[in-house]
């Protein structure tokens, strides 16, 4: 799955602490993350058309935020290949085909599957096993609530990012990590670019519950050193954002 941090660096976003409500950096990061998610969805759904110029002021007013998180969101979506810079400050929506999206997702599935296979073959350290199982436990507690909020979804995205980063960063291959980093610049290809339709949260929750189950199965395969099974599970897992929504009644978006 997809919400950052698949480079060879310390694992993923940090988790919220009791002081985060007073931390302006954390608050701005959360607002920026929300802006990124909203803009991805608008582009996917065709609200912003290919070639359309996006302006900070108008987008900030639409999302109800200041210009700073919108500026950060523009930069992130440029890196993901959804926007391209025009002039000194402007961005336009790139044209993205369904084939482009599918190819990027398939490549990520192959690369993350290879990382999982290599990790299963060499075996998990006690520390890594504990970290992966903690991701699963935290995800279970969050995703199986009676009702999810937008904040819950963003929190699950952070857990998801940690999970993917743990597998890729511990596969013992800089080549795989670098290839995934490059592939993340393709539209909707990264494991953290999943889009959630907030108008259909109940259906989206079922989709994320399947993704969470796949996390459990991947960890099981890694612990048992079932390398082929771990690889195939990670390949299928890449399709969560692309194929699973309609199975649970989530309307298909323009790009996906």
Protein backbone atom coordinates (compact mmCIF):
# COMPACT_ATOMS: atom_id res chain seq x y z
CA UNK A 1 0.00 0.00 0.00
CA UNK A 2 0.71 3.56 -0.28
CA UNK A 3 0.57 7.09 2.14
CA UNK A 4 6.40 8.05 2.46
CA UNK A 5 9.75 7.09 3.31
CA UNK A 6 10.90 4.24 1.07
CA UNK A 7 14.41 5.62 0.84
CA UNK A 8 17.30 4.20 2.85
CA UNK A 9 16.57 6.42 5.83
CA UNK A 10 15.06 6.03 9.29
CA UNK A 11 11.65 4.44 9.05
CA UNK A 12 8.63 6.49 8.08
CA UNK A 13 6.74 9.32 9.72
CA UNK A 14 6.79 9.57 13.48
CA UNK A 15 3.68 8.74 15.42
CA UNK A 16 1.66 11.39 17.28
CA UNK A 17 2.61 12.19 20.86
CA UNK A 18 0.72 13.89 23.65
CA UNK A 19 2.49 17.17 22.87
CA UNK A 20 1.67 17.20 19.14
CA UNK A 21 -1.44 19.31 19.61
CA UNK A 22 0.90 22.13 20.66
CA UNK A 23 3.61 21.48 18.06
CA UNK A 24 3.22 23.91 15.14
CA UNK A 25 5.48 21.81 12.90
CA UNK A 26 3.35 18.70 13.49
CA UNK A 27 0.15 20.67 12.94
CA UNK A 28 1.44 22.10 9.64
CA UNK A 29 2.56 18.63 8.54
CA UNK A 30 -0.91 17.22 9.19
CA UNK A 31 -2.60 20.09 7.35
CA UNK A 32 -0.23 19.61 4.40
CA UNK A 33 -0.95 15.89 4.36
CA UNK A 34 -4.68 16.61 4.25
CA UNK A 35 -4.16 19.07 1.39
CA UNK A 36 -2.11 16.52 -0.55
CA UNK A 37 -4.79 13.86 -0.11
CA UNK A 38 -7.56 16.22 -1.19
CA UNK A 39 -5.67 17.40 -4.28
CA UNK A 40 -4.84 13.85 -5.33
CA UNK A 41 -8.53 12.99 -5.14
CA UNK A 42 -9.57 16.08 -7.13
CA UNK A 43 -7.06 15.22 -9.86
CA UNK A 44 -8.07 11.56 -9.89
CA UNK A 45 -11.75 12.45 -10.10
CA UNK A 46 -11.22 14.96 -12.90
CA UNK A 47 -12.13 18.06 -10.92
CA UNK A 48 -8.85 19.50 -12.16
CA UNK A 49 -8.35 18.74 -15.84
CA UNK A 50 -5.03 18.02 -17.62
CA UNK A 51 -3.36 21.28 -18.55
CA UNK A 52 -5.33 23.28 -15.99
CA UNK A 53 -3.25 25.77 -14.03
CA UNK A 54 -3.54 25.61 -10.25
CA UNK A 55 -3.10 28.75 -8.20
CA UNK A 56 -2.22 28.72 -4.52
CA UNK A 57 -4.81 31.29 -3.47
CA UNK A 58 -7.77 29.60 -5.17
CA UNK A 59 -6.81 26.11 -4.00
CA UNK A 60 -6.20 27.34 -0.44
CA UNK A 61 -9.66 28.91 -0.39
CA UNK A 62 -11.24 25.72 -1.75
CA UNK A 63 -9.56 23.54 0.89
CA UNK A 64 -9.99 26.06 3.70
CA UNK A 65 -6.29 26.24 4.55
CA UNK A 66 -3.49 28.77 4.28
CA UNK A 67 -1.21 29.01 1.24
CA UNK A 68 1.75 27.32 2.97
CA UNK A 69 0.32 23.75 3.08
CA UNK A 70 -0.94 24.19 -0.48
CA UNK A 71 2.55 25.21 -1.61
CA UNK A 72 3.98 22.10 0.09
CA UNK A 73 1.25 19.95 -1.48
CA UNK A 74 2.08 21.30 -4.96
CA UNK A 75 5.73 20.34 -4.50
CA UNK A 76 4.83 16.85 -3.33
CA UNK A 77 2.45 16.25 -6.23
CA UNK A 78 5.06 17.54 -8.65
CA UNK A 79 7.43 14.87 -7.30
CA UNK A 80 4.69 12.27 -7.78
CA UNK A 81 4.22 13.29 -11.41
CA UNK A 82 0.71 14.69 -11.02
CA UNK A 83 1.69 18.34 -11.46
CA UNK A 84 4.40 20.07 -13.45
CA UNK A 85 5.84 23.49 -12.90
CA UNK A 86 5.09 26.25 -15.33
CA UNK A 87 6.90 29.54 -14.89
CA UNK A 88 8.36 30.53 -11.54
CA UNK A 89 5.42 29.82 -9.26
CA UNK A 90 2.70 28.11 -11.25
CA UNK A 91 1.76 24.44 -11.64
CA UNK A 92 -0.41 22.68 -14.18
CA UNK A 93 -2.08 19.28 -13.99
CA UNK A 94 -0.26 16.66 -16.03
CA UNK A 95 -2.13 14.39 -18.37
CA UNK A 96 -2.17 10.89 -16.91
CA UNK A 97 -3.57 7.82 -18.62
CA UNK A 98 -4.98 4.74 -16.91
CA UNK A 99 -2.16 2.74 -18.50
CA UNK A 100 0.41 5.06 -16.91
CA UNK A 101 -1.12 4.49 -13.49
CA UNK A 102 -1.40 0.72 -13.96
CA UNK A 103 2.20 0.42 -15.12
CA UNK A 104 3.53 2.37 -12.14
CA UNK A 105 1.54 0.23 -9.72
CA UNK A 106 2.70 -2.99 -11.38
CA UNK A 107 6.34 -1.91 -11.19
CA UNK A 108 6.00 -1.09 -7.50
CA UNK A 109 4.39 -4.47 -6.85
CA UNK A 110 7.28 -6.26 -8.57
CA UNK A 111 9.90 -4.26 -6.66
CA UNK A 112 8.25 -4.56 -3.25
CA UNK A 113 7.61 -8.25 -3.94
CA UNK A 114 11.31 -8.71 -4.66
CA UNK A 115 12.17 -6.91 -1.42
CA UNK A 116 9.81 -9.19 0.54
CA UNK A 117 11.26 -12.32 -1.10
CA UNK A 118 14.82 -11.31 -0.25
CA UNK A 119 13.82 -10.48 3.31
CA UNK A 120 12.07 -13.84 3.77
CA UNK A 121 15.09 -15.68 2.39
CA UNK A 122 17.51 -14.11 4.85
CA UNK A 123 15.07 -14.18 7.78
CA UNK A 124 13.87 -11.52 10.19
CA UNK A 125 15.83 -10.27 13.15
CA UNK A 126 13.98 -10.24 16.45
CA UNK A 127 13.90 -6.43 16.34
CA UNK A 128 12.49 -6.28 12.81
CA UNK A 129 9.88 -8.94 13.59
CA UNK A 130 8.78 -6.88 16.58
CA UNK A 131 8.56 -3.70 14.49
CA UNK A 132 6.47 -5.34 11.78
CA UNK A 133 4.15 -6.99 14.29
CA UNK A 134 3.73 -3.65 16.07
CA UNK A 135 2.65 -2.08 12.76
CA UNK A 136 0.06 -4.82 12.35
CA UNK A 137 -1.22 -4.45 15.92
CA UNK A 138 -1.50 -0.67 15.64
CA UNK A 139 -3.23 -0.98 12.28
CA UNK A 140 -5.70 -3.56 13.59
CA UNK A 141 -6.67 -1.41 16.56
CA UNK A 142 -7.22 1.60 14.31
CA UNK A 143 -8.90 0.13 11.24
CA UNK A 144 -11.38 -2.10 13.07
CA UNK A 145 -13.12 0.71 14.93
CA UNK A 146 -16.85 1.05 14.40
CA UNK A 147 -16.35 4.21 12.35
CA UNK A 148 -13.28 5.90 10.88
CA UNK A 149 -12.55 9.61 10.79
CA UNK A 150 -10.30 11.44 8.34
CA UNK A 151 -7.70 11.64 11.12
CA UNK A 152 -7.89 7.86 11.59
CA UNK A 153 -7.26 7.34 7.87
CA UNK A 154 -4.23 9.62 7.93
CA UNK A 155 -2.92 7.78 11.00
CA UNK A 156 -3.35 4.46 9.23
CA UNK A 157 -1.46 5.93 6.29
CA UNK A 158 1.48 6.66 8.59
CA UNK A 159 1.41 3.08 9.89
CA UNK A 160 1.22 1.80 6.32
CA UNK A 161 4.23 3.89 5.33
CA UNK A 162 6.25 2.47 8.22
CA UNK A 163 5.28 -1.07 7.23
CA UNK A 164 6.39 -0.70 3.62
CA UNK A 165 9.57 1.13 4.59
CA UNK A 166 10.53 -1.62 7.04
CA UNK A 167 10.33 -4.24 4.31
CA UNK A 168 12.15 -2.25 1.63
CA UNK A 169 14.82 -0.79 3.90
CA UNK A 170 15.68 -4.20 5.37
CA UNK A 171 15.78 -6.18 2.14
CA UNK A 172 19.52 -5.58 1.89
CA UNK A 173 19.38 -4.00 -1.56
CA UNK A 174 20.09 -0.34 -2.30
CA UNK A 175 19.15 -1.08 -5.92
CA UNK A 176 15.57 -2.00 -4.95
CA UNK A 177 15.20 1.02 -2.69
CA UNK A 178 16.52 3.40 -5.36
CA UNK A 179 14.30 1.86 -8.03
CA UNK A 180 11.22 2.30 -5.83
CA UNK A 181 12.19 5.90 -5.12
CA UNK A 182 12.37 6.59 -8.85
CA UNK A 183 9.09 4.77 -9.50
CA UNK A 184 7.40 6.88 -6.82
CA UNK A 185 7.67 9.83 -9.21
CA UNK A 186 5.06 8.19 -11.44
CA UNK A 187 1.42 9.20 -10.84
CA UNK A 188 -0.37 7.23 -8.09
CA UNK A 189 2.50 4.73 -8.01
CA UNK A 190 3.85 5.22 -4.50
CA UNK A 191 2.60 3.23 -1.54
CA UNK A 192 1.40 6.42 0.15
CA UNK A 193 -0.63 7.85 -2.72
CA UNK A 194 -3.78 5.87 -2.07
CA UNK A 195 -6.86 8.07 -2.36
CA UNK A 196 -9.77 7.78 0.04
CA UNK A 197 -13.30 8.85 -0.92
CA UNK A 198 -14.51 10.58 2.24
CA UNK A 199 -18.08 10.44 0.91
CA UNK A 200 -17.94 6.64 1.15
CA UNK A 201 -15.99 6.07 4.37
CA UNK A 202 -17.80 2.83 5.31
CA UNK A 203 -16.88 1.24 1.97
CA UNK A 204 -13.36 2.63 2.14
CA UNK A 205 -12.98 1.15 5.61
CA UNK A 206 -13.71 -2.31 4.23
CA UNK A 207 -11.04 -1.77 1.59
CA UNK A 208 -8.49 -0.75 4.21
CA UNK A 209 -9.44 -3.76 6.34
CA UNK A 210 -8.45 -5.98 3.42
CA UNK A 211 -5.19 -4.07 3.11
CA UNK A 212 -4.60 -4.58 6.82
CA UNK A 213 -5.27 -8.32 6.47
CA UNK A 214 -2.70 -8.44 3.68
CA UNK A 215 -0.18 -6.81 6.04
CA UNK A 216 -0.84 -9.64 8.50
CA UNK A 217 -0.37 -12.28 5.81
CA UNK A 218 2.87 -10.71 4.59
CA UNK A 219 4.29 -10.73 8.12
CA UNK A 220 3.22 -14.35 8.56
CA UNK A 221 4.98 -15.33 5.32
CA UNK A 222 8.12 -13.42 6.30
CA UNK A 223 8.27 -15.02 9.74
CA UNK A 224 7.82 -18.49 8.23
CA UNK A 225 10.41 -17.65 5.54
CA UNK A 226 7.95 -18.45 2.74
CA UNK A 227 9.70 -16.30 0.17
CA UNK A 228 7.50 -16.99 -2.87
CA UNK A 229 4.32 -16.42 -0.87
CA UNK A 230 5.67 -13.18 0.61
CA UNK A 231 6.56 -11.95 -2.87
CA UNK A 232 3.16 -12.75 -4.36
CA UNK A 233 1.30 -11.18 -1.43
CA UNK A 234 3.23 -7.93 -1.84
CA UNK A 235 2.55 -7.90 -5.59
CA UNK A 236 -1.18 -8.27 -5.00
CA UNK A 237 -1.08 -5.74 -2.17
CA UNK A 238 0.01 -3.05 -4.63
CA UNK A 239 -3.41 -3.20 -6.31
CA UNK A 240 -5.36 -2.10 -3.22
CA UNK A 241 -5.74 1.48 -4.36
CA UNK A 242 -6.31 0.57 -7.99
CA UNK A 243 -8.75 -2.33 -8.04
CA UNK A 244 -10.32 -2.95 -4.64
CA UNK A 245 -12.54 0.12 -4.16
CA UNK A 246 -15.28 -0.85 -6.65
CA UNK A 247 -15.55 -4.29 -5.02
CA UNK A 248 -16.90 -2.55 -1.92
CA UNK A 249 -19.06 0.03 -3.66
CA UNK A 250 -16.61 2.92 -3.95
CA UNK A 251 -17.19 4.74 -7.26
CA UNK A 252 -14.27 4.48 -9.66
CA UNK A 253 -12.29 7.69 -10.13
CA UNK A 254 -11.09 9.19 -13.37
CA UNK A 255 -7.49 8.06 -13.16
CA UNK A 256 -8.02 4.85 -11.22
